[in-house]
């Protein structure tokens, strides 16, 4: 469960990722730089699966992962691998094209459904799996982009979050980076469960990651958010 936006910025871009998780899931370990194949990559770690949902390598290649939920009531199928291992595989790549080929070659049956987004320069690729097949879309980053998901069902949150994104970010012809931050901090008082900065009894937005990439410069900042945890086995 995540909301990811990418905004072009001069000769680069800013990617912001809100991570939404169950309250009983262990807190992520903060980002540090690790070796991924021949590359150096910086990313936080999910201790539950040992992987990550977002990161950037020393070439300025960014990868981020969103879960997919078509039917919130469908029981999850047992997967062989954690989806969190996908992002480090992509950050080990030496180019956007190599990362897209790697993502497109993943075995869809080995993971629960996912969408992985790969960004480098002005190129954006989204590789989507429904456990049956893997499909890819390619964009040029000339306008801000939004990707979002929810365990309540992706379709339930897509429309209101996209309408807000269009209102605050896509149609803002002034300070799009400021508008991007407003978007990622937005919560509807009457519908917190549908919000970008979401909250409900069993889950909440637990962190926000900001990655800035420009020619010769890459910065990653990570903000864990104060979330009241609920012990496993006890309802909120």
Protein backbone atom coordinates (compact mmCIF):
# COMPACT_ATOMS: atom_id res chain seq x y z
CA UNK A 1 0.00 0.00 0.00
CA UNK A 2 1.63 3.21 -1.17
CA UNK A 3 1.11 6.49 -2.94
CA UNK A 4 3.95 7.57 -5.24
CA UNK A 5 4.26 10.79 -7.20
CA UNK A 6 7.01 11.85 -9.61
CA UNK A 7 7.42 15.49 -10.58
CA UNK A 8 9.92 16.66 -13.23
CA UNK A 9 12.29 19.25 -11.77
CA UNK A 10 14.81 21.01 -14.01
CA UNK A 11 17.19 18.38 -15.38
CA UNK A 12 15.87 15.74 -12.99
CA UNK A 13 12.88 14.81 -10.87
CA UNK A 14 11.55 14.44 -7.35
CA UNK A 15 9.86 11.20 -6.30
CA UNK A 16 7.83 11.10 -3.09
CA UNK A 17 6.50 7.85 -1.62
CA UNK A 18 4.00 7.51 1.23
CA UNK A 19 4.18 3.99 2.65
CA UNK A 20 0.97 2.65 4.20
CA UNK A 21 1.19 -0.43 6.40
CA UNK A 22 -0.64 -2.44 9.00
CA UNK A 23 -0.14 -1.13 12.53
CA UNK A 24 1.11 -4.50 13.78
CA UNK A 25 3.91 -4.69 11.19
CA UNK A 26 7.44 -4.02 12.52
CA UNK A 27 8.85 -0.55 11.85
CA UNK A 28 11.23 -0.31 8.91
CA UNK A 29 14.95 0.15 9.39
CA UNK A 30 16.12 3.58 8.17
CA UNK A 31 17.91 3.93 4.83
CA UNK A 32 21.57 3.14 4.39
CA UNK A 33 23.79 2.48 1.40
CA UNK A 34 24.38 -1.14 0.41
CA UNK A 35 26.01 -2.92 -2.49
CA UNK A 36 23.57 -4.36 -5.03
CA UNK A 37 25.55 -6.28 -7.62
CA UNK A 38 28.00 -3.80 -9.15
CA UNK A 39 26.05 -0.79 -7.92
CA UNK A 40 25.68 1.09 -4.65
CA UNK A 41 22.08 1.66 -3.61
CA UNK A 42 20.37 3.47 -0.74
CA UNK A 43 17.06 2.25 0.66
CA UNK A 44 15.16 1.51 3.88
CA UNK A 45 14.58 -2.13 4.84
CA UNK A 46 11.36 -3.89 5.81
CA UNK A 47 12.41 -6.31 8.58
CA UNK A 48 9.38 -8.54 7.95
CA UNK A 49 10.56 -9.55 4.48
CA UNK A 50 14.13 -8.26 4.37
CA UNK A 51 13.45 -6.22 1.24
CA UNK A 52 12.36 -2.68 0.49
CA UNK A 53 9.70 -0.68 -1.30
CA UNK A 54 11.79 2.26 -2.59
CA UNK A 55 15.42 3.14 -3.30
CA UNK A 56 17.95 4.80 -5.57
CA UNK A 57 21.33 3.65 -6.88
CA UNK A 58 24.55 5.52 -7.62
CA UNK A 59 23.49 6.13 -11.23
CA UNK A 60 20.32 7.96 -10.15
CA UNK A 61 18.11 5.00 -11.07
CA UNK A 62 15.04 4.89 -8.80
CA UNK A 63 12.73 1.92 -8.22
CA UNK A 64 9.62 1.78 -6.08
CA UNK A 65 7.08 -0.97 -5.48
CA UNK A 66 3.34 -0.84 -4.85
CA UNK A 67 1.16 -3.78 -3.91
CA UNK A 68 -1.92 -4.38 -6.06
CA UNK A 69 -5.35 -5.23 -4.70
CA UNK A 70 -8.12 -5.90 -7.19
CA UNK A 71 -10.45 -7.58 -4.68
CA UNK A 72 -9.98 -6.61 -1.04
CA UNK A 73 -12.05 -9.62 0.11
CA UNK A 74 -10.05 -12.23 -1.79
CA UNK A 75 -7.77 -14.31 0.45
CA UNK A 76 -4.07 -13.89 -0.45
CA UNK A 77 -2.42 -16.79 -2.23
CA UNK A 78 0.79 -18.14 -0.83
CA UNK A 79 3.73 -16.60 -2.67
CA UNK A 80 7.19 -18.09 -2.94
CA UNK A 81 9.03 -14.76 -2.57
CA UNK A 82 8.46 -11.46 -0.81
CA UNK A 83 7.70 -8.59 -3.17
CA UNK A 84 10.27 -6.57 -1.24
CA UNK A 85 13.15 -8.42 -2.92
CA UNK A 86 12.20 -6.95 -6.31
CA UNK A 87 13.50 -3.40 -5.77
CA UNK A 88 17.09 -4.41 -4.82
CA UNK A 89 17.24 -6.54 -7.99
CA UNK A 90 16.38 -3.48 -10.07
CA UNK A 91 18.78 -1.19 -8.21
CA UNK A 92 21.57 -3.60 -9.16
CA UNK A 93 21.01 -2.70 -12.82
CA UNK A 94 23.28 -0.37 -14.77
CA UNK A 95 20.60 1.32 -16.87
CA UNK A 96 16.87 1.99 -17.09
CA UNK A 97 16.57 -0.45 -19.98
CA UNK A 98 18.28 -3.23 -18.05
CA UNK A 99 16.03 -2.59 -15.04
CA UNK A 100 12.92 -2.75 -17.23
CA UNK A 101 14.06 -6.02 -18.79
CA UNK A 102 14.75 -7.42 -15.32
CA UNK A 103 11.31 -6.37 -14.07
CA UNK A 104 9.61 -7.70 -17.18
CA UNK A 105 11.37 -11.04 -16.75
CA UNK A 106 10.12 -11.63 -13.21
CA UNK A 107 8.05 -14.77 -12.65
CA UNK A 108 4.55 -13.43 -11.90
CA UNK A 109 3.57 -16.59 -10.05
CA UNK A 110 6.37 -16.15 -7.52
CA UNK A 111 4.94 -12.95 -5.99
CA UNK A 112 1.64 -11.49 -4.87
CA UNK A 113 0.34 -8.90 -7.42
CA UNK A 114 2.50 -5.79 -7.71
CA UNK A 115 3.32 -2.67 -9.68
CA UNK A 116 6.96 -1.62 -9.81
CA UNK A 117 7.94 1.81 -11.12
CA UNK A 118 11.42 2.49 -12.52
CA UNK A 119 12.64 6.05 -13.15
CA UNK A 120 15.85 7.35 -14.67
CA UNK A 121 16.23 10.79 -16.18
CA UNK A 122 13.08 11.49 -18.17
CA UNK A 123 12.12 7.81 -18.53
CA UNK A 124 9.42 6.18 -16.40
CA UNK A 125 8.40 2.55 -16.68
CA UNK A 126 5.63 0.76 -14.78
CA UNK A 127 5.69 -3.04 -14.74
CA UNK A 128 2.49 -4.66 -13.47
CA UNK A 129 1.85 -8.27 -12.42
CA UNK A 130 -1.45 -9.96 -11.60
CA UNK A 131 0.23 -13.33 -10.82
CA UNK A 132 -0.68 -14.54 -14.31
CA UNK A 133 1.33 -12.23 -16.55
CA UNK A 134 3.60 -9.20 -16.48
CA UNK A 135 2.79 -6.09 -18.51
CA UNK A 136 4.81 -2.90 -18.96
CA UNK A 137 3.95 0.75 -19.67
CA UNK A 138 6.50 3.41 -20.60
CA UNK A 139 6.18 7.18 -20.14
CA UNK A 140 8.28 10.25 -20.76
CA UNK A 141 8.39 12.40 -17.65
CA UNK A 142 7.06 15.64 -19.08
CA UNK A 143 4.19 15.97 -16.59
CA UNK A 144 3.75 14.85 -12.96
CA UNK A 145 2.80 11.18 -12.50
CA UNK A 146 0.79 9.41 -9.79
CA UNK A 147 0.69 5.74 -8.74
CA UNK A 148 -1.37 4.57 -5.78
CA UNK A 149 -2.73 1.44 -4.11
CA UNK A 150 -4.69 0.32 -1.05
CA UNK A 151 -5.55 -2.97 0.61
CA UNK A 152 -9.15 -1.70 0.60
CA UNK A 153 -9.01 -2.09 -3.19
CA UNK A 154 -7.01 0.00 -5.63
CA UNK A 155 -10.09 1.19 -7.52
CA UNK A 156 -11.65 2.54 -4.32
CA UNK A 157 -8.81 5.00 -3.69
CA UNK A 158 -7.68 5.70 -7.26
CA UNK A 159 -10.47 8.12 -8.21
CA UNK A 160 -10.44 10.43 -5.16
CA UNK A 161 -6.64 10.50 -4.87
CA UNK A 162 -6.22 11.19 -8.59
CA UNK A 163 -8.78 13.99 -8.49
CA UNK A 164 -6.87 15.56 -5.60
CA UNK A 165 -3.56 15.08 -7.44
CA UNK A 166 -4.93 16.81 -10.54
CA UNK A 167 -6.26 19.66 -8.41
CA UNK A 168 -3.14 20.21 -6.28
CA UNK A 169 -0.23 19.10 -8.48
CA UNK A 170 -0.95 18.35 -12.13
CA UNK A 171 -2.82 21.60 -12.75
CA UNK A 172 -0.54 23.78 -10.61
CA UNK A 173 1.57 25.88 -12.96
CA UNK A 174 3.62 27.45 -10.18
CA UNK A 175 5.37 25.56 -7.39
CA UNK A 176 4.76 21.93 -8.25
CA UNK A 177 7.24 20.66 -5.66
CA UNK A 178 5.42 22.52 -2.88
CA UNK A 179 2.14 21.22 -4.26
CA UNK A 180 3.58 17.69 -4.26
CA UNK A 181 4.36 17.97 -0.52
CA UNK A 182 0.86 19.29 0.20
CA UNK A 183 -0.59 16.32 -1.67
CA UNK A 184 1.41 13.76 0.32
CA UNK A 185 0.36 15.35 3.62
CA UNK A 186 -3.33 15.61 2.74
CA UNK A 187 -6.00 13.87 4.81
CA UNK A 188 -9.77 14.15 4.43
CA UNK A 189 -11.36 14.53 7.85
CA UNK A 190 -14.40 12.51 6.87
CA UNK A 191 -12.55 9.86 4.83
CA UNK A 192 -9.15 9.26 6.44
CA UNK A 193 -9.09 5.69 5.12
CA UNK A 194 -9.14 6.97 1.52
CA UNK A 195 -6.66 9.77 2.10
CA UNK A 196 -3.13 10.08 0.73
CA UNK A 197 -1.86 10.40 4.33
CA UNK A 198 -4.24 7.64 5.36
CA UNK A 199 -5.39 6.23 8.66
CA UNK A 200 -7.82 3.54 9.73
CA UNK A 201 -8.15 1.11 12.64
CA UNK A 202 -5.70 -1.48 11.31
CA UNK A 203 -3.36 0.58 9.11
CA UNK A 204 -1.83 4.01 8.58
CA UNK A 205 0.76 5.93 6.59
CA UNK A 206 3.96 4.98 8.41
CA UNK A 207 6.70 6.81 6.48
CA UNK A 208 7.47 9.23 3.68
CA UNK A 209 10.51 8.93 1.41
CA UNK A 210 11.69 11.77 -0.83
CA UNK A 211 14.24 11.16 -3.59
CA UNK A 212 15.70 14.06 -5.59
CA UNK A 213 17.71 13.23 -8.69
CA UNK A 214 19.44 15.71 -10.97
CA UNK A 215 22.58 15.75 -13.09
CA UNK A 216 25.43 14.60 -10.84
CA UNK A 217 23.36 14.71 -7.62
CA UNK A 218 21.11 12.26 -5.77
CA UNK A 219 19.50 12.83 -2.36
CA UNK A 220 17.22 10.52 -0.35
CA UNK A 221 15.43 11.68 2.78
CA UNK A 222 13.30 9.42 4.96
CA UNK A 223 10.67 10.48 7.47
CA UNK A 224 9.15 7.86 9.79
CA UNK A 225 5.74 9.08 10.86
CA UNK A 226 4.33 8.79 14.34
CA UNK A 227 1.88 5.90 14.20
CA UNK A 228 0.27 4.22 17.20
CA UNK A 229 1.01 0.52 16.89
CA UNK A 230 -1.41 -2.25 17.76
CA UNK A 231 0.02 -5.56 19.01
CA UNK A 232 -0.55 -8.49 16.65
CA UNK A 233 -3.69 -10.37 17.50
CA UNK A 234 -5.51 -7.42 19.07
CA UNK A 235 -7.92 -5.22 17.15
CA UNK A 236 -7.55 -1.45 17.31
